[in-house]
PDB file of all heavy atoms in Angstrom:
ATOM      1  N   ASP A   1     -11.146  45.691-102.049  1.00  0.00           N
ATOM      2  CA  ASP A   1     -10.120  44.645-102.113  1.00  0.00           C
ATOM      3  C   ASP A   1      -9.515  44.393-100.738  1.00  0.00           C
ATOM      4  O   ASP A   1      -9.337  43.251-100.319  1.00  0.00           O
ATOM      5  CB  ASP A   1      -9.035  45.049-103.116  1.00  0.00           C
ATOM      6  CG  ASP A   1      -9.632  45.454-104.453  1.00  0.00           C
ATOM      7  OD1 ASP A   1     -10.431  44.671-104.986  1.00  0.00           O
ATOM      8  OD2 ASP A   1      -9.335  46.553-104.938  1.00  0.00           O
ATOM      9  N   GLY A   2      -9.192  45.498-100.032  1.00  0.00           N
ATOM     10  CA  GLY A   2      -8.658  45.359 -98.680  1.00  0.00           C
ATOM     11  C   GLY A   2      -9.671  44.726 -97.744  1.00  0.00           C
ATOM     12  O   GLY A   2      -9.314  43.934 -96.871  1.00  0.00           O
ATOM     13  N   GLY A   3     -10.948  45.061 -97.925  1.00  0.00           N
ATOM     14  CA  GLY A   3     -11.985  44.518 -97.070  1.00  0.00           C
ATOM     15  C   GLY A   3     -12.146  43.018 -97.231  1.00  0.00           C
ATOM     16  O   GLY A   3     -12.237  42.275 -96.254  1.00  0.00           O
ATOM     17  N   VAL A   4     -12.182  42.550 -98.470  1.00  0.00           N
ATOM     18  CA  VAL A   4     -12.337  41.117 -98.718  1.00  0.00           C
ATOM     19  C   VAL A   4     -11.095  40.364 -98.252  1.00  0.00           C
ATOM     20  O   VAL A   4     -11.193  39.290 -97.643  1.00  0.00           O
ATOM     21  CB  VAL A   4     -12.617  40.843-100.211  1.00  0.00           C
ATOM     22  CG1 VAL A   4     -12.552  39.347-100.511  1.00  0.00           C
ATOM     23  CG2 VAL A   4     -13.989  41.396-100.592  1.00  0.00           C
ATOM     24  N   SER A   5      -9.927  40.915 -98.499  1.00  0.00           N
ATOM     25  CA  SER A   5      -8.687  40.272 -98.044  1.00  0.00           C
ATOM     26  C   SER A   5      -8.654  40.173 -96.526  1.00  0.00           C
ATOM     27  O   SER A   5      -8.278  39.141 -95.966  1.00  0.00           O
ATOM     28  CB  SER A   5      -7.468  41.061 -98.538  1.00  0.00           C
ATOM     29  OG  SER A   5      -7.367  41.010 -99.945  1.00  0.00           O
ATOM     30  N   ALA A   6      -9.047  41.256 -95.845  1.00  0.00           N
ATOM     31  CA  ALA A   6      -9.047  41.245 -94.382  1.00  0.00           C
ATOM     32  C   ALA A   6      -9.990  40.174 -93.848  1.00  0.00           C
ATOM     33  O   ALA A   6      -9.659  39.451 -92.897  1.00  0.00           O
ATOM     34  CB  ALA A   6      -9.432  42.619 -93.850  1.00  0.00           C
ATOM     35  N   SER A   7     -11.158  40.040 -94.448  1.00  0.00           N
ATOM     36  CA  SER A   7     -12.115  39.028 -94.005  1.00  0.00           C
ATOM     37  C   SER A   7     -11.551  37.620 -94.218  1.00  0.00           C
ATOM     38  O   SER A   7     -11.641  36.761 -93.340  1.00  0.00           O
ATOM     39  CB  SER A   7     -13.431  39.175 -94.780  1.00  0.00           C
ATOM     40  OG  SER A   7     -13.992  40.459 -94.583  1.00  0.00           O
ATOM     41  N   ARG A   8     -10.963  37.419 -95.364  1.00  0.00           N
ATOM     42  CA  ARG A   8     -10.417  36.099 -95.697  1.00  0.00           C
ATOM     43  C   ARG A   8      -9.290  35.703 -94.757  1.00  0.00           C
ATOM     44  O   ARG A   8      -9.272  34.597 -94.196  1.00  0.00           O
ATOM     45  CB  ARG A   8      -9.905  36.115 -97.142  1.00  0.00           C
ATOM     46  CG  ARG A   8      -9.266  34.814 -97.603  1.00  0.00           C
ATOM     47  CD  ARG A   8      -8.715  34.963 -99.005  1.00  0.00           C
ATOM     48  NE  ARG A   8      -8.281  33.698 -99.564  1.00  0.00           N
ATOM     49  CZ  ARG A   8      -7.754  33.566-100.774  1.00  0.00           C
ATOM     50  NH1 ARG A   8      -7.627  34.622-101.556  1.00  0.00           N
ATOM     51  NH2 ARG A   8      -7.377  32.378-101.219  1.00  0.00           N
ATOM     52  N   TYR A   9      -8.349  36.618 -94.544  1.00  0.00           N
ATOM     53  CA  TYR A   9      -7.161  36.265 -93.772  1.00  0.00           C
ATOM     54  C   TYR A   9      -7.382  36.370 -92.267  1.00  0.00           C
ATOM     55  O   TYR A   9      -6.650  35.758 -91.495  1.00  0.00           O
ATOM     56  CB  TYR A   9      -5.976  37.095 -94.257  1.00  0.00           C
ATOM     57  CG  TYR A   9      -5.628  36.744 -95.692  1.00  0.00           C
ATOM     58  CD1 TYR A   9      -5.804  37.661 -96.722  1.00  0.00           C
ATOM     59  CD2 TYR A   9      -5.184  35.473 -96.012  1.00  0.00           C
ATOM     60  CE1 TYR A   9      -5.534  37.316 -98.040  1.00  0.00           C
ATOM     61  CE2 TYR A   9      -4.908  35.112 -97.327  1.00  0.00           C
ATOM     62  CZ  TYR A   9      -5.085  36.037 -98.342  1.00  0.00           C
ATOM     63  OH  TYR A   9      -4.827  35.684 -99.639  1.00  0.00           O
ATOM     64  N   SER A  10      -8.401  37.104 -91.831  1.00  0.00           N
ATOM     65  CA  SER A  10      -8.789  37.060 -90.421  1.00  0.00           C
ATOM     66  C   SER A  10      -9.296  35.665 -90.073  1.00  0.00           C
ATOM     67  O   SER A  10      -8.989  35.120 -89.006  1.00  0.00           O
ATOM     68  CB  SER A  10      -9.867  38.098 -90.117  1.00  0.00           C
ATOM     69  OG  SER A  10      -9.364  39.405 -90.217  1.00  0.00           O
ATOM     70  N   TYR A  11     -10.072  35.090 -90.981  1.00  0.00           N
ATOM     71  CA  TYR A  11     -10.577  33.729 -90.769  1.00  0.00           C
ATOM     72  C   TYR A  11      -9.425  32.735 -90.724  1.00  0.00           C
ATOM     73  O   TYR A  11      -9.384  31.846 -89.867  1.00  0.00           O
ATOM     74  CB  TYR A  11     -11.563  33.385 -91.884  1.00  0.00           C
ATOM     75  CG  TYR A  11     -12.220  32.031 -91.742  1.00  0.00           C
ATOM     76  CD1 TYR A  11     -12.998  31.730 -90.631  1.00  0.00           C
ATOM     77  CD2 TYR A  11     -12.075  31.060 -92.735  1.00  0.00           C
ATOM     78  CE1 TYR A  11     -13.613  30.484 -90.505  1.00  0.00           C
ATOM     79  CE2 TYR A  11     -12.689  29.824 -92.619  1.00  0.00           C
ATOM     80  CZ  TYR A  11     -13.457  29.537 -91.501  1.00  0.00           C
ATOM     81  OH  TYR A  11     -14.064  28.308 -91.382  1.00  0.00           O
ATOM     82  N   MET A  12      -8.457  32.913 -91.603  1.00  0.00           N
ATOM     83  CA  MET A  12      -7.295  32.029 -91.607  1.00  0.00           C
ATOM     84  C   MET A  12      -6.512  32.154 -90.303  1.00  0.00           C
ATOM     85  O   MET A  12      -5.951  31.177 -89.802  1.00  0.00           O
ATOM     86  CB  MET A  12      -6.378  32.360 -92.789  1.00  0.00           C
ATOM     87  CG  MET A  12      -5.175  31.426 -92.906  1.00  0.00           C
ATOM     88  SD  MET A  12      -4.117  31.831 -94.313  1.00  0.00           S
ATOM     89  CE  MET A  12      -5.216  31.437 -95.669  1.00  0.00           C
ATOM     90  N   GLY A  13      -6.505  33.358 -89.731  1.00  0.00           N
ATOM     91  CA  GLY A  13      -5.746  33.594 -88.511  1.00  0.00           C
ATOM     92  C   GLY A  13      -6.444  33.142 -87.241  1.00  0.00           C
ATOM     93  O   GLY A  13      -5.847  33.205 -86.166  1.00  0.00           O
ATOM     94  N   GLY A  14      -7.695  32.692 -87.328  1.00  0.00           N
ATOM     95  CA  GLY A  14      -8.339  32.150 -86.146  1.00  0.00           C
ATOM     96  C   GLY A  14      -9.696  32.718 -85.810  1.00  0.00           C
ATOM     97  O   GLY A  14     -10.318  32.286 -84.831  1.00  0.00           O
ATOM     98  N   PHE A  15     -10.200  33.690 -86.589  1.00  0.00           N
ATOM     99  CA  PHE A  15     -11.547  34.210 -86.333  1.00  0.00           C
ATOM    100  C   PHE A  15     -12.590  33.170 -86.761  1.00  0.00           C
ATOM    101  O   PHE A  15     -12.316  32.287 -87.582  1.00  0.00           O
ATOM    102  CB  PHE A  15     -11.765  35.521 -87.089  1.00  0.00           C
ATOM    103  CG  PHE A  15     -11.284  36.743 -86.354  1.00  0.00           C
ATOM    104  CD1 PHE A  15     -10.017  36.778 -85.784  1.00  0.00           C
ATOM    105  CD2 PHE A  15     -12.095  37.860 -86.223  1.00  0.00           C
ATOM    106  CE1 PHE A  15      -9.574  37.897 -85.097  1.00  0.00           C
ATOM    107  CE2 PHE A  15     -11.662  38.983 -85.540  1.00  0.00           C
ATOM    108  CZ  PHE A  15     -10.392  39.012 -84.974  1.00  0.00           C
ATOM    109  N   ASP A  16     -13.777  33.289 -86.189  1.00  0.00           N
ATOM    110  CA  ASP A  16     -14.825  32.303 -86.461  1.00  0.00           C
ATOM    111  C   ASP A  16     -15.708  32.668 -87.643  1.00  0.00           C
ATOM    112  O   ASP A  16     -16.437  31.813 -88.152  1.00  0.00           O
ATOM    113  CB  ASP A  16     -15.710  32.140 -85.218  1.00  0.00           C
ATOM    114  CG  ASP A  16     -14.920  31.597 -84.037  1.00  0.00           C
ATOM    115  OD1 ASP A  16     -14.462  30.445 -84.126  1.00  0.00           O
ATOM    116  OD2 ASP A  16     -14.734  32.325 -83.048  1.00  0.00           O
ATOM    117  N   GLY A  17     -15.687  33.930 -88.064  1.00  0.00           N
ATOM    118  CA  GLY A  17     -16.549  34.335 -89.165  1.00  0.00           C
ATOM    119  C   GLY A  17     -16.375  35.799 -89.485  1.00  0.00           C
ATOM    120  O   GLY A  17     -15.500  36.473 -88.934  1.00  0.00           O
ATOM    121  N   THR A  18     -17.209  36.287 -90.390  1.00  0.00           N
ATOM    122  CA  THR A  18     -17.125  37.669 -90.846  1.00  0.00           C
ATOM    123  C   THR A  18     -18.517  38.194 -91.154  1.00  0.00           C
ATOM    124  O   THR A  18     -19.446  37.418 -91.412  1.00  0.00           O
ATOM    125  CB  THR A  18     -16.249  37.779 -92.108  1.00  0.00           C
ATOM    126  OG1 THR A  18     -16.215  39.145 -92.552  1.00  0.00           O
ATOM    127  CG2 THR A  18     -16.793  36.931 -93.247  1.00  0.00           C
ATOM    128  N   SER A  19     -18.650  39.506 -91.151  1.00  0.00           N
ATOM    129  CA  SER A  19     -19.898  40.132 -91.586  1.00  0.00           C
ATOM    130  C   SER A  19     -19.944  40.277 -93.107  1.00  0.00           C
ATOM    131  O   SER A  19     -20.984  40.585 -93.674  1.00  0.00           O
ATOM    132  CB  SER A  19     -20.034  41.526 -90.956  1.00  0.00           C
ATOM    133  OG  SER A  19     -19.014  42.393 -91.445  1.00  0.00           O
ATOM    134  N   ASN A  20     -18.813  40.042 -93.769  1.00  0.00           N
ATOM    135  CA  ASN A  20     -18.640  40.313 -95.196  1.00  0.00           C
ATOM    136  C   ASN A  20     -19.261  39.196 -96.050  1.00  0.00           C
ATOM    137  O   ASN A  20     -18.707  38.095 -96.154  1.00  0.00           O
ATOM    138  CB  ASN A  20     -17.137  40.448 -95.491  1.00  0.00           C
ATOM    139  CG  ASN A  20     -16.843  40.946 -96.882  1.00  0.00           C
ATOM    140  OD1 ASN A  20     -17.667  40.829 -97.780  1.00  0.00           O
ATOM    141  ND2 ASN A  20     -15.661  41.486 -97.070  1.00  0.00           N
ATOM    142  N   VAL A  21     -20.386  39.475 -96.664  1.00  0.00           N
ATOM    143  CA  VAL A  21     -21.103  38.468 -97.449  1.00  0.00           C
ATOM    144  C   VAL A  21     -20.286  38.004 -98.654  1.00  0.00           C
ATOM    145  O   VAL A  21     -20.286  36.820 -99.006  1.00  0.00           O
ATOM    146  CB  VAL A  21     -22.475  39.023 -97.904  1.00  0.00           C
ATOM    147  CG1 VAL A  21     -23.204  38.012 -98.787  1.00  0.00           C
ATOM    148  CG2 VAL A  21     -23.334  39.368 -96.697  1.00  0.00           C
ATOM    149  N   LEU A  22     -19.572  38.941 -99.298  1.00  0.00           N
ATOM    150  CA  LEU A  22     -18.785  38.568-100.469  1.00  0.00           C
ATOM    151  C   LEU A  22     -17.664  37.597-100.103  1.00  0.00           C
ATOM    152  O   LEU A  22     -17.383  36.647-100.841  1.00  0.00           O
ATOM    153  CB  LEU A  22     -18.202  39.817-101.137  1.00  0.00           C
ATOM    154  CG  LEU A  22     -17.403  39.586-102.425  1.00  0.00           C
ATOM    155  CD1 LEU A  22     -18.252  38.885-103.489  1.00  0.00           C
ATOM    156  CD2 LEU A  22     -16.856  40.901-102.974  1.00  0.00           C
ATOM    157  N   ALA A  23     -17.027  37.809 -98.956  1.00  0.00           N
ATOM    158  CA  ALA A  23     -15.983  36.884 -98.509  1.00  0.00           C
ATOM    159  C   ALA A  23     -16.573  35.512 -98.217  1.00  0.00           C
ATOM    160  O   ALA A  23     -15.954  34.479 -98.502  1.00  0.00           O
ATOM    161  CB  ALA A  23     -15.288  37.434 -97.269  1.00  0.00           C
ATOM    162  N   GLY A  24     -17.783  35.500 -97.661  1.00  0.00           N
ATOM    163  CA  GLY A  24     -18.456  34.219 -97.444  1.00  0.00           C
ATOM    164  C   GLY A  24     -18.757  33.514 -98.751  1.00  0.00           C
ATOM    165  O   GLY A  24     -18.565  32.302 -98.884  1.00  0.00           O
ATOM    166  N   TYR A  25     -19.209  34.281 -99.729  1.00  0.00           N
ATOM    167  CA  TYR A  25     -19.548  33.726-101.044  1.00  0.00           C
ATOM    168  C   TYR A  25     -18.308  33.195-101.765  1.00  0.00           C
ATOM    169  O   TYR A  25     -18.332  32.105-102.347  1.00  0.00           O
ATOM    170  CB  TYR A  25     -20.228  34.811-101.873  1.00  0.00           C
ATOM    171  CG  TYR A  25     -20.448  34.465-103.323  1.00  0.00           C
ATOM    172  CD1 TYR A  25     -21.424  33.554-103.705  1.00  0.00           C
ATOM    173  CD2 TYR A  25     -19.676  35.067-104.321  1.00  0.00           C
ATOM    174  CE1 TYR A  25     -21.620  33.236-105.045  1.00  0.00           C
ATOM    175  CE2 TYR A  25     -19.860  34.762-105.653  1.00  0.00           C
ATOM    176  CZ  TYR A  25     -20.839  33.848-106.003  1.00  0.00           C
ATOM    177  OH  TYR A  25     -21.021  33.540-107.331  1.00  0.00           O
ATOM    178  N   LEU A  26     -17.208  33.972-101.734  1.00  0.00           N
ATOM    179  CA  LEU A  26     -16.009  33.602-102.479  1.00  0.00           C
ATOM    180  C   LEU A  26     -15.188  32.510-101.806  1.00  0.00           C
ATOM    181  O   LEU A  26     -14.649  31.620-102.479  1.00  0.00           O
ATOM    182  CB  LEU A  26     -15.116  34.839-102.682  1.00  0.00           C
ATOM    183  CG  LEU A  26     -15.632  35.925-103.622  1.00  0.00           C
ATOM    184  CD1 LEU A  26     -14.710  37.138-103.578  1.00  0.00           C
ATOM    185  CD2 LEU A  26     -15.751  35.397-105.047  1.00  0.00           C
ATOM    186  N   PHE A  27     -15.092  32.557-100.470  1.00  0.00           N
ATOM    187  CA  PHE A  27     -14.133  31.696 -99.765  1.00  0.00           C
ATOM    188  C   PHE A  27     -14.779  30.801 -98.716  1.00  0.00           C
ATOM    189  O   PHE A  27     -14.081  30.152 -97.947  1.00  0.00           O
ATOM    190  CB  PHE A  27     -13.053  32.562 -99.107  1.00  0.00           C
ATOM    191  CG  PHE A  27     -12.383  33.505-100.058  1.00  0.00           C
ATOM    192  CD1 PHE A  27     -12.514  34.874 -99.905  1.00  0.00           C
ATOM    193  CD2 PHE A  27     -11.644  33.038-101.140  1.00  0.00           C
ATOM    194  CE1 PHE A  27     -11.909  35.766-100.786  1.00  0.00           C
ATOM    195  CE2 PHE A  27     -11.033  33.904-102.023  1.00  0.00           C
ATOM    196  CZ  PHE A  27     -11.169  35.268-101.848  1.00  0.00           C
ATOM    197  N   ASP A  28     -16.110  30.777 -98.666  1.00  0.00           N
ATOM    198  CA  ASP A  28     -16.828  29.918 -97.727  1.00  0.00           C
ATOM    199  C   ASP A  28     -16.513  30.264 -96.273  1.00  0.00           C
ATOM    200  O   ASP A  28     -16.531  29.387 -95.410  1.00  0.00           O
ATOM    201  CB  ASP A  28     -16.524  28.442 -98.006  1.00  0.00           C
ATOM    202  CG  ASP A  28     -17.610  27.522 -97.448  1.00  0.00           C
ATOM    203  OD1 ASP A  28     -18.764  27.981 -97.343  1.00  0.00           O
ATOM    204  OD2 ASP A  28     -17.299  26.372 -97.112  1.00  0.00           O
ATOM    205  N   VAL A  29     -16.227  31.527 -96.000  1.00  0.00           N
ATOM    206  CA  VAL A  29     -16.045  31.978 -94.625  1.00  0.00           C
ATOM    207  C   VAL A  29     -17.425  32.109 -93.992  1.00  0.00           C
ATOM    208  O   VAL A  29     -18.322  32.694 -94.600  1.00  0.00           O
ATOM    209  CB  VAL A  29     -15.317  33.341 -94.580  1.00  0.00           C
ATOM    210  CG1 VAL A  29     -15.171  33.829 -93.143  1.00  0.00           C
ATOM    211  CG2 VAL A  29     -13.952  33.246 -95.255  1.00  0.00           C
ATOM    212  N   PRO A  30     -17.647  31.567 -92.785  1.00  0.00           N
ATOM    213  CA  PRO A  30     -18.967  31.708 -92.147  1.00  0.00           C
ATOM    214  C   PRO A  30     -19.332  33.182 -91.980  1.00  0.00           C
ATOM    215  O   PRO A  30     -18.502  33.993 -91.561  1.00  0.00           O
ATOM    216  CB  PRO A  30     -18.772  31.035 -90.779  1.00  0.00           C
ATOM    217  CG  PRO A  30     -17.638  30.081 -90.989  1.00  0.00           C
ATOM    218  CD  PRO A  30     -16.721  30.759 -91.978  1.00  0.00           C
ATOM    219  N   ILE A  31     -20.553  33.554 -92.339  1.00  0.00           N
ATOM    220  CA  ILE A  31     -20.987  34.945 -92.209  1.00  0.00           C
ATOM    221  C   ILE A  31     -21.910  35.085 -91.002  1.00  0.00           C
ATOM    222  O   ILE A  31     -22.755  34.235 -90.744  1.00  0.00           O
ATOM    223  CB  ILE A  31     -21.655  35.476 -93.490  1.00  0.00           C
ATOM    224  CG1 ILE A  31     -22.807  34.573 -93.943  1.00  0.00           C
ATOM    225  CG2 ILE A  31     -20.628  35.619 -94.605  1.00  0.00           C
ATOM    226  CD1 ILE A  31     -23.571  35.127 -95.141  1.00  0.00           C
ATOM    227  N   ARG A  32     -21.706  36.180 -90.274  1.00  0.00           N
ATOM    228  CA  ARG A  32     -22.464  36.459 -89.063  1.00  0.00           C
ATOM    229  C   ARG A  32     -22.854  37.933 -89.050  1.00  0.00           C
ATOM    230  O   ARG A  32     -22.325  38.733 -89.811  1.00  0.00           O
ATOM    231  CB  ARG A  32     -21.619  36.156 -87.817  1.00  0.00           C
ATOM    232  CG  ARG A  32     -21.124  34.718 -87.721  1.00  0.00           C
ATOM    233  CD  ARG A  32     -22.249  33.750 -87.371  1.00  0.00           C
ATOM    234  NE  ARG A  32     -21.739  32.404 -87.157  1.00  0.00           N
ATOM    235  CZ  ARG A  32     -21.651  31.470 -88.086  1.00  0.00           C
ATOM    236  NH1 ARG A  32     -22.023  31.763 -89.339  1.00  0.00           N
ATOM    237  NH2 ARG A  32     -21.198  30.258 -87.810  1.00  0.00           N
ATOM    238  N   GLY A  33     -23.764  38.303 -88.159  1.00  0.00           N
ATOM    239  CA  GLY A  33     -24.143  39.706 -88.087  1.00  0.00           C
ATOM    240  C   GLY A  33     -24.895  40.031 -86.811  1.00  0.00           C
ATOM    241  O   GLY A  33     -25.382  39.129 -86.116  1.00  0.00           O
ATOM    242  N   THR A  34     -24.986  41.310 -86.509  1.00  0.00           N
ATOM    243  CA  THR A  34     -25.803  41.777 -85.377  1.00  0.00           C
ATOM    244  C   THR A  34     -26.887  42.677 -85.952  1.00  0.00           C
ATOM    245  O   THR A  34     -27.727  42.227 -86.710  1.00  0.00           O
ATOM    246  CB  THR A  34     -24.941  42.519 -84.345  1.00  0.00           C
ATOM    247  OG1 THR A  34     -24.232  43.582 -84.997  1.00  0.00           O
ATOM    248  CG2 THR A  34     -23.940  41.572 -83.711  1.00  0.00           C
ATOM    249  N   HIS A  35     -26.887  43.955 -85.621  1.00  0.00           N
ATOM    250  CA  HIS A  35     -27.802  44.904 -86.242  1.00  0.00           C
ATOM    251  C   HIS A  35     -27.233  46.297 -86.049  1.00  0.00           C
ATOM    252  O   HIS A  35     -26.335  46.518 -85.241  1.00  0.00           O
ATOM    253  CB  HIS A  35     -29.215  44.803 -85.657  1.00  0.00           C
ATOM    254  CG  HIS A  35     -29.270  44.869 -84.161  1.00  0.00           C
ATOM    255  ND1 HIS A  35     -28.980  46.021 -83.453  1.00  0.00           N
ATOM    256  CD2 HIS A  35     -29.575  43.922 -83.243  1.00  0.00           C
ATOM    257  CE1 HIS A  35     -29.119  45.788 -82.164  1.00  0.00           C
ATOM    258  NE2 HIS A  35     -29.470  44.517 -81.995  1.00  0.00           N
TER     259      HIS A  35
END
């Protein structure tokens, strides 16, 4: 719960995306990754 909330509200605060696939699925936050 904390992880999804952090991803969602980080995006609201000005981040460009998240590694969190569930946050992307639920809230349309752009998902990104490295390796």
